[in-house]
Protein backbone atom coordinates (compact mmCIF):
# COMPACT_ATOMS: atom_id res chain seq x y z
CA MET A 1 65.37 -28.71 6.08
CA ALA A 2 66.13 -28.15 9.70
CA GLY A 3 65.78 -24.35 9.21
CA ILE A 4 62.48 -24.87 7.47
CA ALA A 5 61.19 -26.96 10.29
CA THR A 6 62.42 -24.49 12.85
CA ALA A 7 60.62 -21.61 11.09
CA ALA A 8 57.48 -23.56 10.87
CA ASP A 9 57.50 -24.46 14.50
CA LYS A 10 58.10 -20.91 15.42
CA ALA A 11 55.24 -19.83 13.24
CA LYS A 12 52.98 -22.26 15.02
CA ASP A 13 54.19 -21.14 18.35
CA LEU A 14 53.61 -17.64 17.58
CA LYS A 15 50.06 -18.47 16.27
CA SER A 16 49.31 -20.66 19.43
CA ARG A 17 50.46 -17.88 21.80
CA PHE A 18 48.16 -15.34 19.88
CA LEU A 19 45.15 -17.57 20.05
CA ARG A 20 45.82 -18.47 23.70
CA ALA A 21 46.26 -14.90 24.61
CA GLY A 22 42.76 -14.22 23.30
CA THR A 23 41.44 -12.26 20.49
CA PRO A 24 38.76 -9.55 20.45
CA PRO A 25 35.38 -10.72 19.32
CA PHE A 26 34.69 -10.61 15.59
CA ALA A 27 38.61 -10.25 14.90
CA GLY A 28 39.78 -10.03 11.32
CA PHE A 29 40.71 -13.99 11.04
CA GLU A 30 37.23 -14.86 12.07
CA TRP A 31 35.77 -13.01 9.13
CA ILE A 32 38.22 -14.59 6.80
CA LEU A 33 37.35 -18.10 7.97
CA ALA A 34 33.75 -17.39 7.69
CA GLY A 35 34.17 -16.12 4.07
CA ARG A 36 36.29 -19.09 3.07
CA TYR A 37 33.79 -21.63 4.51
CA LEU A 38 31.12 -20.16 2.27
CA ARG A 39 33.16 -20.64 -0.84
CA ALA A 40 32.58 -23.78 -2.98
CA ARG A 41 35.12 -26.51 -2.50
CA ARG A 42 35.12 -30.13 -3.86
CA ARG A 43 34.01 -31.50 -0.46
CA GLY A 44 31.94 -28.46 0.54
CA GLY A 45 30.16 -27.76 -2.75
CA GLY A 46 26.74 -28.95 -1.29
CA VAL A 47 27.07 -26.48 1.62
CA SER A 48 27.71 -23.58 -0.92
CA VAL A 49 24.51 -24.73 -2.87
CA VAL A 50 22.49 -24.71 0.34
CA ALA A 51 23.92 -21.30 1.00
CA PHE A 52 22.98 -19.93 -2.30
CA PHE A 53 19.41 -21.10 -2.10
CA SER A 54 19.10 -19.69 1.29
CA VAL A 55 20.24 -16.27 -0.08
CA LEU A 56 17.85 -16.84 -2.94
CA GLY A 57 14.80 -17.64 -0.64
CA ILE A 58 15.38 -14.75 1.70
CA ALA A 59 15.81 -12.39 -1.21
CA LEU A 60 12.49 -13.53 -2.80
CA GLY A 61 10.78 -13.41 0.44
CA VAL A 62 11.85 -9.81 1.20
CA ALA A 63 11.05 -8.79 -2.28
CA THR A 64 7.61 -10.19 -2.12
CA LEU A 65 6.94 -8.67 1.10
CA ILE A 66 7.96 -5.15 -0.16
CA ILE A 67 6.06 -5.47 -3.24
CA VAL A 68 2.78 -6.85 -1.74
CA LEU A 69 2.84 -4.20 1.11
CA SER A 70 3.57 -1.43 -1.48
CA VAL A 71 0.73 -2.53 -3.65
CA MET A 72 -1.61 -2.81 -0.56
CA ASN A 73 -0.51 0.78 0.41
CA GLY A 74 -1.04 1.87 -3.24
CA PHE A 75 -4.69 0.40 -3.28
CA ARG A 76 -5.58 2.14 0.06
CA SER A 77 -4.12 5.53 -1.08
CA GLU A 78 -5.56 5.36 -4.53
CA LEU A 79 -8.99 4.25 -3.30
CA LEU A 80 -8.92 6.87 -0.50
CA SER A 81 -7.99 9.64 -2.93
CA LYS A 82 -10.65 8.69 -5.43
CA ILE A 83 -13.45 8.01 -2.88
CA ILE A 84 -12.69 11.12 -0.91
CA GLY A 85 -11.87 13.22 -3.98
CA ILE A 86 -15.41 13.19 -5.03
CA ASN A 87 -17.29 12.58 -1.74
CA GLY A 88 -15.41 15.00 0.64
CA HIS A 89 -14.14 14.36 4.14
CA VAL A 90 -16.93 15.62 6.45
CA PHE A 91 -20.62 15.60 5.74
CA VAL A 92 -23.09 17.94 7.43
CA THR A 93 -26.66 17.26 7.55
CA PRO A 94 -29.47 19.09 9.36
CA ILE A 95 -31.06 18.13 12.50
CA ASP A 96 -33.67 20.77 13.67
CA LYS A 97 -34.64 22.43 10.38
CA LEU A 98 -33.72 22.34 6.71
CA PHE A 99 -30.52 23.90 5.17
CA THR A 100 -32.27 26.90 3.64
CA ASP A 101 -29.41 29.09 5.01
CA TYR A 102 -26.71 26.87 3.21
CA GLU A 103 -24.91 29.88 1.54
CA ASP A 104 -24.20 31.51 4.82
CA LEU A 105 -23.51 28.22 6.63
CA SER A 106 -21.22 26.98 3.88
CA GLU A 107 -19.21 30.31 4.09
CA ARG A 108 -18.74 29.94 7.96
CA LEU A 109 -17.62 26.36 7.62
CA ALA A 110 -15.18 27.25 4.88
CA LYS A 111 -13.49 29.88 7.04
CA VAL A 112 -12.42 27.14 9.61
CA ALA A 113 -8.59 26.80 9.56
CA GLY A 114 -7.80 23.43 7.86
CA VAL A 115 -10.99 23.49 5.51
CA ARG A 116 -10.29 23.68 1.87
CA ALA A 117 -13.90 23.95 0.69
CA ALA A 118 -17.58 23.64 1.98
CA ILE A 119 -19.92 22.58 -0.94
CA PRO A 120 -23.61 22.54 -0.49
CA LEU A 121 -25.27 19.69 -2.46
CA VAL A 122 -28.73 18.40 -3.56
CA GLU A 123 -28.57 14.76 -3.85
CA GLY A 124 -30.97 12.30 -5.36
CA GLN A 125 -31.49 9.14 -7.40
CA ALA A 126 -32.68 8.96 -10.83
CA PHE A 127 -32.81 6.79 -14.00
CA ALA A 128 -30.73 8.03 -17.04
CA SER A 129 -31.71 6.77 -20.44
CA SER A 130 -30.97 7.35 -24.10
CA PRO A 131 -32.14 5.72 -27.26
CA TYR A 132 -29.40 3.11 -26.73
CA GLY A 133 -30.07 2.11 -23.09
CA GLY A 134 -30.54 3.09 -19.48
CA SER A 135 -28.98 3.10 -16.15
CA GLY A 136 -29.69 4.10 -12.48
CA VAL A 137 -27.60 7.08 -11.49
CA LEU A 138 -26.95 9.47 -8.50
CA VAL A 139 -27.70 13.10 -9.36
CA ARG A 140 -25.77 15.79 -7.54
CA GLY A 141 -26.64 19.44 -7.74
CA VAL A 142 -23.79 21.79 -7.25
CA ARG A 143 -22.95 25.45 -7.99
CA ALA A 144 -20.66 26.07 -10.97
CA MET A 145 -17.94 27.81 -8.51
CA ASP A 146 -18.04 24.62 -6.28
CA ILE A 147 -17.70 21.91 -8.98
CA GLU A 148 -14.44 23.82 -9.94
CA LYS A 149 -13.29 22.93 -6.38
CA ILE A 150 -13.90 19.28 -6.82
CA GLY A 151 -10.51 18.38 -8.37
CA ALA A 152 -11.56 14.79 -9.25
CA ILE A 153 -14.12 16.27 -11.66
CA ALA A 154 -12.63 19.68 -12.72
CA LYS A 155 -9.20 18.31 -13.55
CA ASN A 156 -10.52 15.10 -15.39
CA ILE A 157 -12.81 16.52 -18.10
CA ARG A 158 -12.43 14.30 -21.09
CA ALA A 159 -14.89 16.00 -23.39
CA GLY A 160 -16.87 19.09 -23.42
CA THR A 161 -16.41 22.00 -20.82
CA LEU A 162 -17.73 23.21 -17.54
CA GLU A 163 -18.05 26.74 -18.63
CA GLY A 164 -21.73 28.07 -18.43
CA PHE A 165 -22.61 25.15 -16.02
CA ASP A 166 -25.01 27.34 -13.99
CA ASP A 167 -27.19 28.22 -16.87
CA GLY A 168 -29.41 25.05 -16.18
CA THR A 169 -29.34 23.64 -19.57
CA GLY A 170 -26.72 20.83 -19.17
CA VAL A 171 -25.18 18.23 -16.88
CA ALA A 172 -21.69 16.63 -16.45
CA VAL A 173 -21.68 12.85 -16.66
CA GLY A 174 -19.04 10.08 -16.08
CA ARG A 175 -17.28 8.44 -19.13
CA ARG A 176 -18.53 4.97 -18.26
CA LEU A 177 -22.11 6.19 -18.16
CA ALA A 178 -21.78 8.00 -21.35
CA GLU A 179 -20.29 4.99 -23.12
CA ALA A 180 -22.90 2.77 -21.59
CA LEU A 181 -25.80 4.99 -23.00
CA GLY A 182 -23.99 5.75 -26.22
CA LEU A 183 -23.73 9.41 -25.77
CA GLN A 184 -21.20 12.08 -26.35
CA ALA A 185 -20.79 15.64 -25.26
CA GLY A 186 -23.60 17.75 -26.84
CA ASP A 187 -26.10 15.01 -26.89
CA ASN A 188 -29.14 14.73 -24.72
CA ILE A 189 -29.56 12.51 -21.69
CA THR A 190 -32.99 11.92 -20.16
CA LEU A 191 -33.37 11.76 -16.46
CA SER A 192 -36.38 10.24 -14.80
CA THR A 193 -37.34 10.37 -11.00
CA PRO A 194 -40.34 9.13 -9.15
CA LYS A 195 -40.41 12.34 -6.94
CA GLY A 196 -42.09 14.67 -9.56
CA ALA A 197 -44.90 17.10 -9.38
CA THR A 198 -47.70 16.66 -6.87
CA THR A 199 -51.17 16.18 -8.55
CA PRO A 200 -54.66 15.34 -7.26
CA PHE A 201 -53.95 11.75 -8.10
CA GLY A 202 -50.68 11.54 -6.30
CA THR A 203 -46.89 12.29 -7.22
CA ALA A 204 -46.24 11.99 -10.91
CA PRO A 205 -42.80 10.88 -12.13
CA ARG A 206 -40.74 13.65 -13.51
CA THR A 207 -38.73 13.16 -16.74
CA LYS A 208 -36.53 15.65 -18.41
CA ALA A 209 -33.83 15.85 -21.08
CA TYR A 210 -30.64 17.58 -20.48
CA THR A 211 -27.67 18.47 -22.71
CA ILE A 212 -24.32 16.84 -21.76
CA LYS A 213 -22.06 19.68 -21.22
CA ALA A 214 -18.94 17.74 -20.08
CA ILE A 215 -17.83 14.16 -19.58
CA PHE A 216 -15.37 13.41 -16.86
CA GLU A 217 -13.24 10.39 -16.00
CA ILE A 218 -12.24 9.90 -12.32
CA GLY A 219 -10.66 6.54 -12.94
CA MET A 220 -12.94 4.56 -10.64
CA THR A 221 -15.45 2.65 -12.65
CA GLU A 222 -18.25 2.70 -9.91
CA PHE A 223 -18.12 6.45 -9.90
CA ASP A 224 -17.58 7.03 -13.69
CA ALA A 225 -20.79 4.93 -14.43
CA THR A 226 -23.11 6.41 -11.62
CA PHE A 227 -22.48 10.22 -11.02
CA VAL A 228 -24.36 13.04 -12.84
CA PHE A 229 -23.64 16.58 -11.73
CA MET A 230 -26.39 19.15 -12.29
CA PRO A 231 -26.57 22.85 -11.63
CA LEU A 232 -27.76 23.45 -8.00
CA ALA A 233 -30.66 25.57 -8.89
CA GLU A 234 -32.05 23.05 -11.55
CA SER A 235 -31.54 20.17 -9.06
CA GLN A 236 -33.50 22.05 -6.44
CA ALA A 237 -36.48 22.33 -8.95
CA TYR A 238 -36.07 18.84 -10.21
CA PHE A 239 -36.22 17.23 -6.89
CA ASN A 240 -38.81 19.48 -5.49
CA ARG A 241 -36.42 21.13 -2.90
CA ASP A 242 -37.83 24.49 -1.72
CA GLY A 243 -34.61 26.57 -1.65
CA ASP A 244 -32.63 23.98 0.59
CA VAL A 245 -29.97 21.41 0.13
CA SER A 246 -29.60 17.87 1.23
CA LEU A 247 -26.15 18.23 2.87
CA ILE A 248 -22.94 20.23 2.81
CA GLU A 249 -19.70 18.43 2.06
CA ILE A 250 -16.46 19.70 3.52
CA TYR A 251 -13.04 19.11 2.13
CA LEU A 252 -10.17 19.26 4.33
CA ASP A 253 -6.51 20.03 3.77
CA LYS A 254 -5.66 16.67 5.57
CA ALA A 255 -7.90 13.70 5.45
CA ASP A 256 -6.77 12.38 8.83
CA GLY A 257 -7.40 15.63 10.57
CA VAL A 258 -11.06 15.05 10.95
CA ALA A 259 -11.06 14.40 14.70
CA GLU A 260 -9.17 17.56 15.42
CA LEU A 261 -11.39 19.79 13.39
CA ARG A 262 -14.74 18.40 14.37
CA PRO A 263 -15.10 20.77 17.54
CA ASP A 264 -14.24 23.78 15.46
CA LEU A 265 -16.74 22.85 12.70
CA GLU A 266 -19.54 22.27 15.15
CA MET A 267 -18.78 25.70 16.58
CA ALA A 268 -18.75 27.40 13.19
CA ALA A 269 -22.17 25.82 12.32
CA GLU A 270 -23.90 28.00 14.98
CA ARG A 271 -26.90 25.53 14.96
CA PRO A 272 -27.49 21.84 15.61
CA VAL A 273 -25.99 19.78 12.82
CA LEU A 274 -25.00 16.03 12.41
CA LEU A 275 -21.38 15.54 11.39
CA THR A 276 -20.20 12.35 9.75
CA ASP A 277 -16.83 11.79 8.18
CA TRP A 278 -15.22 9.61 5.59
CA ARG A 279 -13.96 7.04 8.14
CA GLN A 280 -17.46 6.31 9.40
CA ARG A 281 -19.04 6.04 6.00
CA ASN A 282 -16.26 3.72 4.70
CA ARG A 283 -15.31 2.01 7.97
CA THR A 284 -16.19 -1.50 6.69
CA PHE A 285 -14.27 -1.17 3.40
CA PHE A 286 -10.99 0.33 4.76
CA GLY A 287 -11.26 -1.84 7.77
CA ALA A 288 -11.39 -4.99 5.54
CA LEU A 289 -8.56 -3.58 3.40
CA GLU A 290 -6.41 -3.15 6.54
CA VAL A 291 -7.17 -6.65 7.86
CA GLU A 292 -6.25 -8.10 4.44
CA ARG A 293 -2.95 -6.29 4.38
CA ASN A 294 -2.01 -7.31 8.02
CA VAL A 295 -2.93 -11.09 6.96
CA MET A 296 -0.81 -10.98 3.80
CA PHE A 297 2.10 -9.60 5.80
CA LEU A 298 1.91 -12.65 8.27
CA ILE A 299 1.39 -15.15 5.44
CA LEU A 300 4.29 -13.79 3.27
CA SER A 301 6.48 -13.48 6.22
CA LEU A 302 6.48 -17.41 6.35
CA ILE A 303 8.41 -17.32 3.09
CA VAL A 304 11.37 -15.48 4.98
CA VAL A 305 11.06 -18.01 7.87
CA VAL A 306 11.22 -20.93 5.45
CA ALA A 307 14.30 -19.37 3.84
CA THR A 308 15.94 -18.82 7.24
CA LEU A 309 15.37 -22.64 8.00
CA ASN A 310 17.70 -23.15 5.07
CA ILE A 311 20.43 -21.24 6.93
CA VAL A 312 20.05 -23.80 9.78
CA SER A 313 20.31 -26.90 7.60
CA GLY A 314 23.23 -25.30 5.66
CA LEU A 315 25.19 -24.41 8.70
CA ILE A 316 24.66 -27.78 10.25
CA LEU A 317 26.08 -29.25 7.11
CA LEU A 318 28.89 -26.81 7.24
CA VAL A 319 29.72 -27.73 10.77
CA ARG A 320 29.84 -31.52 9.99
CA ASP A 321 32.02 -30.76 6.90
CA LYS A 322 34.34 -28.57 8.80
CA SER A 323 34.60 -30.64 12.08
CA SER A 324 38.23 -31.48 11.47
CA ASP A 325 38.99 -27.72 10.90
CA ILE A 326 37.23 -26.93 14.16
CA ALA A 327 39.10 -29.39 15.99
CA ILE A 328 42.39 -28.20 14.70
CA LEU A 329 41.48 -24.60 15.65
CA ARG A 330 40.41 -25.64 19.13
CA THR A 331 43.68 -27.60 19.67
CA MET A 332 45.66 -24.43 18.53
CA GLY A 333 43.88 -22.32 21.17
CA ALA A 334 40.81 -21.13 19.54
CA THR A 335 38.02 -20.61 22.07
CA PRO A 336 34.50 -21.87 21.84
CA GLY A 337 33.36 -18.38 21.41
CA THR A 338 35.56 -17.75 18.55
CA VAL A 339 34.22 -20.84 16.71
CA MET A 340 30.76 -19.82 17.56
CA ARG A 341 31.33 -16.36 16.17
CA VAL A 342 32.79 -17.72 12.92
CA PHE A 343 29.42 -19.49 12.14
CA LEU A 344 27.42 -16.66 13.35
CA ILE A 345 29.28 -14.58 10.82
CA ASN A 346 28.46 -17.07 8.21
CA GLY A 347 24.78 -17.00 8.88
CA ALA A 348 24.69 -13.16 9.13
CA LEU A 349 26.33 -13.02 5.81
CA ILE A 350 23.86 -15.08 4.12
CA GLY A 351 20.98 -13.10 5.78
CA PHE A 352 22.56 -9.77 4.96
CA VAL A 353 23.25 -10.49 1.23
CA GLY A 354 19.86 -12.20 0.78
CA THR A 355 18.00 -9.19 2.58
CA LEU A 356 19.99 -6.73 0.57
CA ALA A 357 19.26 -8.44 -2.67
CA GLY A 358 15.54 -8.69 -1.80
CA LEU A 359 15.46 -5.04 -0.91
CA LEU A 360 16.82 -3.88 -4.22
CA LEU A 361 14.76 -6.33 -6.25
CA GLY A 362 11.48 -5.44 -4.35
CA ILE A 363 12.26 -1.63 -4.82
CA VAL A 364 12.95 -2.06 -8.60
CA ILE A 365 9.85 -4.09 -9.23
CA THR A 366 7.73 -1.65 -7.03
CA LEU A 367 8.96 1.47 -9.04
CA ASN A 368 8.17 -0.24 -12.34
CA ILE A 369 5.07 -2.30 -11.52
CA LYS A 370 2.82 -0.33 -13.89
CA GLY A 371 5.23 -0.88 -16.82
CA ILE A 372 5.62 -4.61 -15.93
CA GLN A 373 1.70 -4.76 -15.84
CA ARG A 374 1.39 -3.24 -19.34
CA VAL A 375 4.02 -5.59 -20.69
CA LEU A 376 3.06 -8.90 -19.07
CA PHE A 377 -0.49 -8.46 -18.29
CA PRO A 378 -1.95 -5.78 -20.85
CA SER A 379 -5.61 -7.06 -20.73
CA ALA A 380 -5.70 -8.72 -17.27
CA TRP A 381 -6.68 -5.64 -15.40
CA ASP A 382 -9.98 -4.89 -16.87
CA PRO A 383 -11.19 -1.40 -15.64
CA THR A 384 -14.88 -2.45 -16.14
CA VAL A 385 -14.71 -5.12 -13.57
CA ARG A 386 -12.28 -3.60 -11.05
CA PHE A 387 -12.32 -0.29 -9.17
CA LEU A 388 -8.95 0.80 -10.56
CA ALA A 389 -7.59 0.52 -14.07
CA GLU A 390 -3.87 0.14 -13.00
CA ILE A 391 -2.00 -1.64 -10.18
CA PRO A 392 -0.94 1.15 -7.87
CA ALA A 393 2.08 0.99 -5.54
CA GLU A 394 3.31 3.20 -2.79
CA MET A 395 6.54 2.42 -0.76
CA ASN A 396 6.39 3.18 2.92
CA THR A 397 9.89 3.71 4.46
CA GLY A 398 8.91 2.63 7.97
CA GLU A 399 7.30 -0.74 6.70
CA ILE A 400 10.36 -1.45 4.44
CA THR A 401 12.65 -0.95 7.39
CA VAL A 402 10.64 -3.41 9.49
CA VAL A 403 10.79 -5.91 6.71
CA VAL A 404 14.52 -5.58 6.45
CA LEU A 405 15.23 -5.73 10.21
CA THR A 406 12.86 -8.75 10.57
CA SER A 407 14.50 -10.64 7.96
CA PHE A 408 17.95 -9.94 9.25
CA ALA A 409 16.91 -10.83 12.72
CA LEU A 410 15.38 -14.06 11.69
CA SER A 411 18.60 -14.92 9.91
CA LEU A 412 20.71 -14.18 12.96
CA ILE A 413 18.30 -16.29 15.09
CA ALA A 414 18.48 -19.24 12.72
CA THR A 415 22.38 -19.29 13.14
CA LEU A 416 22.32 -19.65 16.93
CA TYR A 417 21.69 -23.43 17.11
CA PRO A 418 24.31 -24.44 14.48
CA SER A 419 26.94 -22.07 16.02
CA TRP A 420 26.35 -23.30 19.40
CA ARG A 421 26.61 -26.87 18.29
CA ALA A 422 30.04 -25.89 16.48
CA ALA A 423 31.29 -24.39 19.77
CA ARG A 424 30.51 -27.53 21.75
CA LEU A 425 32.31 -29.80 19.33
CA ASP A 426 34.72 -32.08 21.20
CA PRO A 427 38.03 -31.63 19.21
CA VAL A 428 39.31 -35.09 20.33
CA GLN A 429 36.20 -36.90 18.85
CA ALA A 430 36.35 -34.65 15.75
CA LEU A 431 39.93 -35.68 15.07
CA ARG A 432 39.34 -39.33 15.79
CA TYR A 433 36.21 -39.90 13.81
CA GLY A 434 36.56 -37.01 11.33
């Protein structure tokens, strides 16, 4: 028995000398203590439950942030691609005289580096009708070689063909418009406009029937129910344009390169023109979308903040539960810094595990969000009511990094007060009153 007591005394002496001599910050035994404090015990089971819900709250908050931001990015990207895909990036309109030289002008603009296509257009409003109904439409006159360059149209033909588009006998219409009028490819659609022929009694409305050569589907309800594409020469005659066009639409290689190319485009025009771009035309829409996205980020960040408050309460409970252990460590030579680091590691582990779980959950849901929509909400996303038929999602690495770092930083901040309180614990009072 004496030998056993002597060995125990020597072990305590060595441990005491080791602790008094000082240990490097975040030494191995600090991590061991932090890990053991997080495990469930009969007395500390409540602490572990709080830690579990802290991890769960942080995970759900991070996942929600990633999913919502990805969906908002997807909406912006999808709307941008569809709106710009059919409307172009830069719009050139005349100032001093009409665009009777549109062929030469469009060729000069198309040669500017960074320009994918320059398309002259005749644009006007009309009323489309059939024996089954009628609807207001926006008619666009384009050349056959130009409509092939509009990927949103040429790549999304659902019925008919664009071959022979320039022969003046047919038009291309959106699928929603064709369905509303009860028409198919090969049927006739009647277009009426108040800007018809001039007579001694005034301007007579013009009404003419055209064959539907092609039906396209952009995927955006507003466009699929509104646009009618007509051969350029026919549109000039239909809207009384004397060999000129309404505007020239320019498609760029990069949508965000408008500002850099503006001087080159003005120089290539070689005449006074008015240049407007997609940002000016859609400033209100995309501005509102950006504000909504930022507000959603701030609101959903509160979920992470609330989850980190659970870390504070959990660590305070842990400090109270382990007050006797802390007192024994202090009497054996542990410094206040050692005690503080143990609880900092506790909070950091909770924050790291919760953030990592939320990151994985958010990425998995974002990558499969369309499949989840089809399974859980097959009829909730009505394309006749909303712009888009599916929920888009696009992850941004920079934003995800900000979310992860913010979550982890908030977790560390939440551990400061409980850790400081543990470091200031008086070992004598702790041992006396438990």
